[in-house]
Amino acid sequence: MDIDARTLRTFREVTLTGSFTQAARRLGYSQSSVTAQMRALERQVGEPVFERLPNGVRLTHSGIVLRDYARQILTLVGEMETALRRPAANPPRLTVGIVPALAYGQQLARVTHIGRRLLSGVQLALRIMGTAEVHDAFKAGAIDGALVLTVVDADDPADLLGEQQYADRSDDLTEVRLQEVEFVPVTGVGRHPGGHGRQVVIADPDCPSQRWLPEFLRLRCDSPPEIHELGSMAGVRAATQSGLGCAMLPTALAADHEEAGGLRPLPGVPRMRWNASLILGRHDTRPAVDRQNLTETLRQATALGRAARPTVPAAEVLGGAGLGGEVLGGAGLGGEVLGGAGLGGEVLGGAGLGGEVLGGGATALDPDTSIAS
């Protein structure tokens, strides 16, 4: 069997996109060229590697075996090309922007450690930047990729191939969805109950995870809360612990026993989830941008950053008073039931919590129904 690296790269793009047409567009080939390559590949393998579907393709058993080996082969080919292209003393630089909501200490360390293993021969440089800065940073050539939070779209079709989902955006960038990351609303343990929701501490005003809580509280209280923008999750956590206000923190950060003492769940506000997504230049073909291994680095790092759902009361996890009442797992926003009343329409003064205002589809989890607004 004699399969060249070009054919394997085309095969990999088809497995990632689930479509000959989308793979051709991403690679800059014609669809007929991709189809011809895949037919030749199947002849060499001796049996089909794709099952043709009305809206794309799905891997057969042989295709799954080939995909796993192709991934290893292309990683080695990439390492060989990198080693031959530049002296070992001057490795290519891969600069990745990370939004503040995902740039706390443990998360940055995970990206660095996993990147050293998967991005062999590449110098990985991390840059913390606001969500609104990402597009301009790509235009200026200042970054090769960006780790951001995007909304969870409940209407997305299941990924047929079990790989990450690719989505082309309107700004000439491509989004690769990696993991769903859970956020928990918290406040300081010494904060007076009557002050809940009057002040909100955020890290990035353009990030959906940071926009959501002020809007939720505005709709619930019929007036906007006072907002304090601190620029980092470490600053947000410290300010919340000191009693400055409430905040949405990644669950892994809020549940850190060593650093998150003095926090407790914010009554009456659900946990939420957003997508951790890798943003890439759609037509960027620079050799230094190892898309496959960069994607895998960030996927593993964000997966490790997902805190396990606690089996003990929230008071023990967050170092403060626990959630009273009965928790309703998976209650949604905008029509789902929360404590016997929907969160759209009348309860929130005629405004629902879905649509563009709150990012268009974040997932709500485990609201605290013990304290009414």
Protein backbone atom coordinates (compact mmCIF):
# COMPACT_ATOMS: atom_id res chain seq x y z
CA MET A 1 0.00 0.00 0.00
CA ASP A 2 1.52 3.29 -1.16
CA ILE A 3 -0.48 6.29 0.13
CA ASP A 4 1.17 9.72 -0.15
CA ALA A 5 0.97 12.48 2.47
CA ARG A 6 -1.12 14.71 0.16
CA THR A 7 -3.85 12.06 -0.04
CA LEU A 8 -3.76 11.54 3.72
CA ARG A 9 -4.15 15.29 4.32
CA THR A 10 -7.17 15.35 2.02
CA PHE A 11 -8.59 12.30 3.83
CA ARG A 12 -8.09 14.07 7.18
CA GLU A 13 -9.96 17.17 6.03
CA VAL A 14 -12.88 15.03 4.82
CA THR A 15 -13.03 13.27 8.21
CA LEU A 16 -12.99 16.62 10.02
CA THR A 17 -15.66 18.30 7.89
CA GLY A 18 -17.78 15.25 7.02
CA SER A 19 -18.08 16.49 3.44
CA PHE A 20 -16.09 16.29 0.20
CA THR A 21 -17.36 19.77 -0.72
CA GLN A 22 -16.27 21.43 2.52
CA ALA A 23 -12.91 19.63 2.47
CA ALA A 24 -12.31 20.88 -1.10
CA ARG A 25 -13.12 24.45 -0.07
CA ARG A 26 -10.80 24.35 2.94
CA LEU A 27 -7.93 22.86 0.91
CA GLY A 28 -8.44 25.04 -2.16
CA TYR A 29 -9.11 22.02 -4.41
CA SER A 30 -12.00 21.31 -6.74
CA GLN A 31 -14.61 18.87 -5.45
CA SER A 32 -13.84 16.51 -8.33
CA SER A 33 -10.16 16.43 -7.27
CA VAL A 34 -11.10 15.48 -3.69
CA THR A 35 -13.53 12.82 -4.96
CA ALA A 36 -10.87 11.35 -7.26
CA GLN A 37 -8.29 11.24 -4.45
CA MET A 38 -10.69 9.47 -2.11
CA ARG A 39 -11.70 6.92 -4.76
CA ALA A 40 -8.03 6.17 -5.40
CA LEU A 41 -7.49 5.85 -1.66
CA GLU A 42 -10.34 3.34 -1.34
CA ARG A 43 -8.87 1.31 -4.21
CA GLN A 44 -5.55 1.14 -2.38
CA VAL A 45 -7.22 0.19 0.90
CA GLY A 46 -9.27 -2.44 -0.91
CA GLU A 47 -12.64 -1.46 0.56
CA PRO A 48 -14.72 1.67 1.23
CA VAL A 49 -13.50 4.04 3.92
CA PHE A 50 -16.56 6.31 3.70
CA GLU A 51 -20.26 5.60 3.87
CA ARG A 52 -22.05 8.07 1.58
CA LEU A 53 -24.97 9.91 3.26
CA PRO A 54 -27.50 12.43 1.89
CA ASN A 55 -25.74 15.32 3.66
CA GLY A 56 -22.13 14.15 3.68
CA VAL A 57 -20.09 11.08 4.53
CA ARG A 58 -19.40 8.90 7.54
CA LEU A 59 -16.39 6.70 8.25
CA THR A 60 -16.66 2.94 7.88
CA HIS A 61 -14.77 0.62 10.25
CA SER A 62 -11.81 0.62 7.83
CA GLY A 63 -12.02 4.40 7.64
CA ILE A 64 -11.79 4.72 11.43
CA VAL A 65 -8.67 2.51 11.46
CA LEU A 66 -7.13 4.54 8.63
CA ARG A 67 -8.00 7.84 10.37
CA ASP A 68 -6.09 6.86 13.51
CA TYR A 69 -2.99 5.85 11.57
CA ALA A 70 -3.22 8.88 9.26
CA ARG A 71 -3.21 11.15 12.30
CA GLN A 72 0.03 9.60 13.56
CA ILE A 73 1.67 9.61 10.11
CA LEU A 74 0.82 13.26 9.41
CA THR A 75 2.10 14.28 12.85
CA LEU A 76 5.46 12.66 12.04
CA VAL A 77 5.51 14.21 8.56
CA GLY A 78 4.84 17.63 10.11
CA GLU A 79 7.65 17.16 12.62
CA MET A 80 10.01 16.11 9.81
CA GLU A 81 9.09 19.14 7.70
CA THR A 82 9.60 21.45 10.67
CA ALA A 83 12.97 19.92 11.54
CA LEU A 84 14.20 20.23 7.94
CA ARG A 85 12.85 23.73 7.41
CA ARG A 86 14.44 25.50 10.40
CA PRO A 87 17.41 24.94 12.67
CA ALA A 88 16.50 23.30 15.98
CA ALA A 89 17.83 26.36 17.82
CA ASN A 90 15.26 28.58 16.09
CA PRO A 91 11.90 26.74 16.21
CA PRO A 92 8.81 28.23 14.52
CA ARG A 93 6.67 30.39 16.80
CA LEU A 94 2.97 29.65 17.23
CA THR A 95 1.12 32.52 18.93
CA VAL A 96 -2.30 31.80 20.42
CA GLY A 97 -4.62 34.41 21.90
CA ILE A 98 -6.73 33.36 24.89
CA VAL A 99 -9.70 35.32 26.22
CA PRO A 100 -9.61 36.21 29.95
CA ALA A 101 -12.47 33.84 30.86
CA LEU A 102 -10.22 30.89 29.88
CA ALA A 103 -6.88 32.40 30.86
CA TYR A 104 -6.68 31.66 34.58
CA GLY A 105 -3.46 30.13 35.92
CA GLN A 106 -4.31 26.42 35.88
CA GLN A 107 -5.77 26.60 32.37
CA LEU A 108 -2.70 28.37 30.97
CA ALA A 109 -0.43 25.77 32.59
CA ARG A 110 -2.46 22.93 31.04
CA VAL A 111 -2.18 24.45 27.56
CA THR A 112 1.58 24.86 27.96
CA HIS A 113 2.23 21.34 29.27
CA ILE A 114 0.10 19.61 26.63
CA GLY A 115 1.49 21.86 23.90
CA ARG A 116 5.05 20.83 24.75
CA ARG A 117 4.08 17.22 24.08
CA LEU A 118 1.86 17.62 21.00
CA LEU A 119 3.47 20.65 19.31
CA SER A 120 6.97 19.23 19.12
CA GLY A 121 9.52 21.60 17.63
CA VAL A 122 7.23 24.62 17.96
CA GLN A 123 7.56 27.52 20.38
CA LEU A 124 4.06 28.09 21.78
CA ALA A 125 3.40 31.66 22.89
CA LEU A 126 0.17 32.53 24.72
CA ARG A 127 -1.35 36.02 24.62
CA ILE A 128 -4.30 37.08 26.80
CA MET A 129 -6.66 39.36 24.88
CA GLY A 130 -10.26 40.49 24.99
CA THR A 131 -12.83 38.83 22.76
CA ALA A 132 -13.23 42.02 20.69
CA GLU A 133 -9.48 42.11 19.99
CA VAL A 134 -9.27 38.68 18.35
CA HIS A 135 -10.38 39.68 14.84
CA ASP A 136 -7.98 42.66 14.68
CA ALA A 137 -5.14 40.47 15.98
CA PHE A 138 -5.73 38.03 13.09
CA LYS A 139 -5.82 40.90 10.58
CA ALA A 140 -2.54 42.25 11.92
CA GLY A 141 -0.92 38.80 11.82
CA ALA A 142 -0.25 38.99 15.55
CA ILE A 143 -1.76 35.56 16.35
CA ASP A 144 -2.04 32.20 14.62
CA GLY A 145 -5.08 31.02 16.58
CA ALA A 146 -7.34 32.04 19.44
CA LEU A 147 -9.12 30.18 22.24
CA VAL A 148 -12.47 31.89 22.85
CA LEU A 149 -15.93 31.17 24.26
CA THR A 150 -18.87 30.94 21.87
CA VAL A 151 -22.53 30.17 22.37
CA VAL A 152 -23.90 26.64 22.44
CA ASP A 153 -26.26 26.16 19.50
CA ALA A 154 -28.81 23.49 20.36
CA ASP A 155 -29.70 23.19 16.66
CA ASP A 156 -26.24 22.07 15.58
CA PRO A 157 -26.39 18.58 13.99
CA ALA A 158 -24.51 15.82 15.78
CA ASP A 159 -21.00 15.46 14.44
CA LEU A 160 -21.20 12.32 12.35
CA LEU A 161 -17.51 11.48 12.65
CA GLY A 162 -17.04 12.05 16.36
CA GLU A 163 -14.50 14.83 15.64
CA GLN A 164 -14.57 18.51 16.49
CA GLN A 165 -17.14 20.62 14.63
CA TYR A 166 -15.83 23.16 12.11
CA ALA A 167 -17.88 26.26 11.26
CA ASP A 168 -16.92 29.06 8.89
CA ARG A 169 -17.75 32.50 10.27
CA SER A 170 -18.70 35.70 8.49
CA ASP A 171 -15.36 37.35 9.37
CA ASP A 172 -13.13 35.08 7.22
CA LEU A 173 -12.24 32.95 10.23
CA THR A 174 -13.03 29.33 11.08
CA GLU A 175 -14.36 28.15 14.44
CA VAL A 176 -13.47 24.70 15.79
CA ARG A 177 -15.70 23.72 18.72
CA LEU A 178 -13.67 21.88 21.35
CA GLN A 179 -15.56 21.42 24.64
CA GLU A 180 -18.47 22.84 26.58
CA VAL A 181 -17.20 24.74 29.64
CA GLU A 182 -19.45 25.23 32.65
CA PHE A 183 -19.64 28.51 34.56
CA VAL A 184 -21.14 29.00 38.02
CA PRO A 185 -22.59 32.27 39.43
CA VAL A 186 -20.91 33.11 42.76
CA THR A 187 -20.84 35.82 45.40
CA GLY A 188 -18.83 36.45 48.55
CA VAL A 189 -19.79 34.52 51.69
CA GLY A 190 -20.06 37.73 53.74
CA ARG A 191 -22.27 39.57 51.28
CA HIS A 192 -25.69 40.60 52.65
CA PRO A 193 -28.56 38.74 50.92
CA GLY A 194 -30.24 42.01 50.01
CA GLY A 195 -27.24 43.01 47.93
CA HIS A 196 -27.41 40.07 45.52
CA GLY A 197 -27.22 41.24 41.92
CA ARG A 198 -26.58 44.94 42.62
CA GLN A 199 -22.95 44.75 41.45
CA VAL A 200 -21.32 42.39 38.93
CA VAL A 201 -17.60 41.81 38.41
CA ILE A 202 -16.51 40.80 34.89
CA ALA A 203 -13.27 40.09 33.03
CA ASP A 204 -14.24 40.75 29.39
CA PRO A 205 -17.34 42.75 28.39
CA ASP A 206 -17.55 41.12 24.94
CA CYS A 207 -17.33 37.50 26.14
CA PRO A 208 -20.72 35.69 26.22
CA SER A 209 -19.88 34.17 29.62
CA GLN A 210 -19.33 37.64 31.07
CA ARG A 211 -22.25 39.41 29.33
CA TRP A 212 -24.80 36.86 30.48
CA LEU A 213 -25.00 37.55 34.24
CA PRO A 214 -25.48 41.36 34.02
CA GLU A 215 -28.25 40.83 31.47
CA PHE A 216 -29.91 38.11 33.54
CA LEU A 217 -29.92 40.36 36.61
CA ARG A 218 -31.13 43.38 34.62
CA LEU A 219 -34.12 41.41 33.38
CA ARG A 220 -34.86 39.96 36.81
CA CYS A 221 -34.53 43.23 38.72
CA ASP A 222 -35.79 45.62 36.01
CA SER A 223 -32.64 47.74 36.36
CA PRO A 224 -29.03 47.23 35.25
CA PRO A 225 -26.49 46.27 37.92
CA GLU A 226 -23.31 48.24 38.48
CA ILE A 227 -20.47 46.57 36.54
CA HIS A 228 -16.79 46.39 37.54
CA GLU A 229 -14.46 45.30 34.74
CA LEU A 230 -11.16 43.87 35.99
CA GLY A 231 -9.65 42.21 32.90
CA SER A 232 -8.65 38.87 34.45
CA MET A 233 -10.42 35.96 36.10
CA ALA A 234 -7.98 36.07 39.01
CA GLY A 235 -9.01 39.68 39.61
CA VAL A 236 -12.70 38.82 39.26
CA ARG A 237 -12.41 36.00 41.78
CA ALA A 238 -10.46 38.12 44.29
CA ALA A 239 -12.92 41.00 43.98
CA THR A 240 -15.88 38.65 44.46
CA GLN A 241 -14.24 37.06 47.50
CA SER A 242 -13.75 40.53 48.98
CA GLY A 243 -17.48 41.26 48.67
CA LEU A 244 -17.35 43.68 45.71
CA GLY A 245 -20.12 41.88 43.81
CA CYS A 246 -21.12 38.65 42.08
CA ALA A 247 -19.55 36.97 39.04
CA MET A 248 -19.65 34.06 36.60
CA LEU A 249 -16.56 31.90 37.11
CA PRO A 250 -15.48 28.70 35.35
CA THR A 251 -16.59 25.87 37.63
CA ALA A 252 -13.03 24.53 37.86
CA LEU A 253 -11.84 27.91 39.14
CA ALA A 254 -14.76 28.43 41.52
CA ALA A 255 -14.37 24.95 43.02
CA ASP A 256 -10.60 25.21 43.68
CA HIS A 257 -10.36 24.46 47.42
CA GLU A 258 -7.00 26.19 47.83
CA GLU A 259 -7.82 29.46 46.08
CA ALA A 260 -11.61 29.87 45.94
CA GLY A 261 -12.46 30.03 49.64
CA GLY A 262 -14.95 32.70 50.58
CA LEU A 263 -17.26 32.09 47.61
CA ARG A 264 -20.79 30.69 47.56
CA PRO A 265 -23.39 30.12 44.82
CA LEU A 266 -25.47 33.13 43.86
CA PRO A 267 -29.08 32.31 44.87
CA GLY A 268 -31.68 31.94 42.13
CA VAL A 269 -29.22 32.00 39.21
CA PRO A 270 -28.46 28.89 37.09
CA ARG A 271 -25.12 27.51 36.09
CA MET A 272 -24.44 27.95 32.37
CA ARG A 273 -22.31 26.41 29.62
CA TRP A 274 -20.51 27.90 26.63
CA ASN A 275 -18.33 26.38 23.93
CA ALA A 276 -14.56 26.64 24.26
CA SER A 277 -13.65 27.13 20.59
CA LEU A 278 -10.44 27.48 18.60
CA ILE A 279 -10.53 30.29 16.02
CA LEU A 280 -8.25 29.97 12.99
CA GLY A 281 -7.64 31.94 9.82
CA ARG A 282 -9.73 30.25 7.13
CA HIS A 283 -7.08 30.42 4.40
CA ASP A 284 -3.94 30.37 6.57
CA THR A 285 -1.59 27.73 5.12
CA ARG A 286 1.61 28.71 6.95
CA PRO A 287 3.60 25.58 7.89
CA ALA A 288 3.98 26.80 11.48
CA VAL A 289 0.21 26.57 12.00
CA ASP A 290 -0.13 22.87 12.89
CA ARG A 291 -3.92 22.94 12.98
CA GLN A 292 -4.42 19.33 13.95
CA ASN A 293 -2.09 19.30 16.94
CA LEU A 294 -3.03 22.81 18.06
CA THR A 295 -6.68 21.72 18.05
CA GLU A 296 -5.85 18.61 20.04
CA THR A 297 -3.72 20.59 22.52
CA LEU A 298 -6.55 22.99 23.31
CA ARG A 299 -9.18 20.25 23.31
CA GLN A 300 -7.28 18.25 25.92
CA ALA A 301 -6.47 21.35 27.99
CA THR A 302 -10.09 22.51 28.15
CA ALA A 303 -11.29 18.95 28.84
CA LEU A 304 -8.97 18.72 31.85
CA GLY A 305 -10.27 22.10 33.00
CA ARG A 306 -13.84 20.84 33.34
CA ALA A 307 -14.55 20.35 37.03
CA ALA A 308 -16.43 17.20 37.92
CA ARG A 309 -19.96 17.81 39.18
CA PRO A 310 -19.67 17.82 43.00
CA THR A 311 -21.41 15.12 45.01
CA VAL A 312 -21.16 17.13 48.23
CA PRO A 313 -23.20 20.26 49.07
CA ALA A 314 -22.17 23.37 47.19
CA ALA A 315 -21.19 24.97 50.50
CA GLU A 316 -18.31 22.52 50.85
CA VAL A 317 -17.16 23.01 47.27
CA LEU A 318 -17.23 26.81 47.27
CA GLY A 319 -16.44 27.49 50.92
CA GLY A 320 -19.71 29.24 51.70
CA ALA A 321 -23.42 28.73 52.27
CA GLY A 322 -24.92 25.97 50.13
CA LEU A 323 -27.83 25.91 47.72
CA GLY A 324 -31.13 25.71 49.59
CA GLY A 325 -34.27 24.10 48.23
CA GLU A 326 -34.44 21.58 45.45
CA VAL A 327 -32.11 21.82 42.47
CA LEU A 328 -33.66 21.31 39.05
CA GLY A 329 -30.93 19.84 36.82
CA GLY A 330 -30.88 21.04 33.23
CA ALA A 331 -33.53 23.74 33.46
CA GLY A 332 -33.24 25.95 30.38
CA LEU A 333 -33.70 29.64 29.85
CA GLY A 334 -36.74 30.98 28.02
CA GLY A 335 -39.69 28.65 28.55
CA GLU A 336 -38.14 25.87 30.64
CA VAL A 337 -39.35 25.60 34.23
CA LEU A 338 -37.39 27.17 37.09
CA GLY A 339 -39.02 26.91 40.52
CA GLY A 340 -42.48 26.58 38.96
CA ALA A 341 -42.23 29.63 36.73
CA GLY A 342 -40.79 30.10 33.24
CA LEU A 343 -37.85 32.47 32.79
CA GLY A 344 -39.33 34.26 29.80
CA GLY A 345 -42.22 36.68 29.43
CA GLU A 346 -44.06 37.75 32.56
CA VAL A 347 -41.60 36.68 35.27
CA LEU A 348 -38.78 38.77 33.81
CA GLY A 349 -40.78 41.83 32.89
CA GLY A 350 -41.72 40.74 29.39
CA ALA A 351 -38.23 39.80 28.16
CA GLY A 352 -37.02 36.25 27.60
CA LEU A 353 -33.47 35.02 28.16
CA GLY A 354 -32.84 33.42 24.78
CA GLY A 355 -31.85 34.97 21.46
CA GLU A 356 -29.21 37.56 20.74
CA VAL A 357 -29.31 39.39 24.07
CA LEU A 358 -27.79 36.50 26.01
CA GLY A 359 -25.65 35.06 23.26
CA GLY A 360 -28.28 33.03 21.44
CA GLY A 361 -28.19 29.67 23.14
CA ALA A 362 -25.99 29.04 26.15
CA THR A 363 -27.10 26.01 28.14
CA ALA A 364 -28.57 26.48 31.63
CA LEU A 365 -27.72 24.04 34.41
CA ASP A 366 -28.79 23.49 38.00
CA PRO A 367 -30.48 26.73 39.06
CA ASP A 368 -30.93 27.49 42.76
CA THR A 369 -34.67 27.77 43.33
CA SER A 370 -34.58 28.39 47.06
CA ILE A 371 -34.54 32.19 46.97
CA ALA A 372 -36.86 34.23 44.81
CA SER A 373 -35.74 37.45 43.20
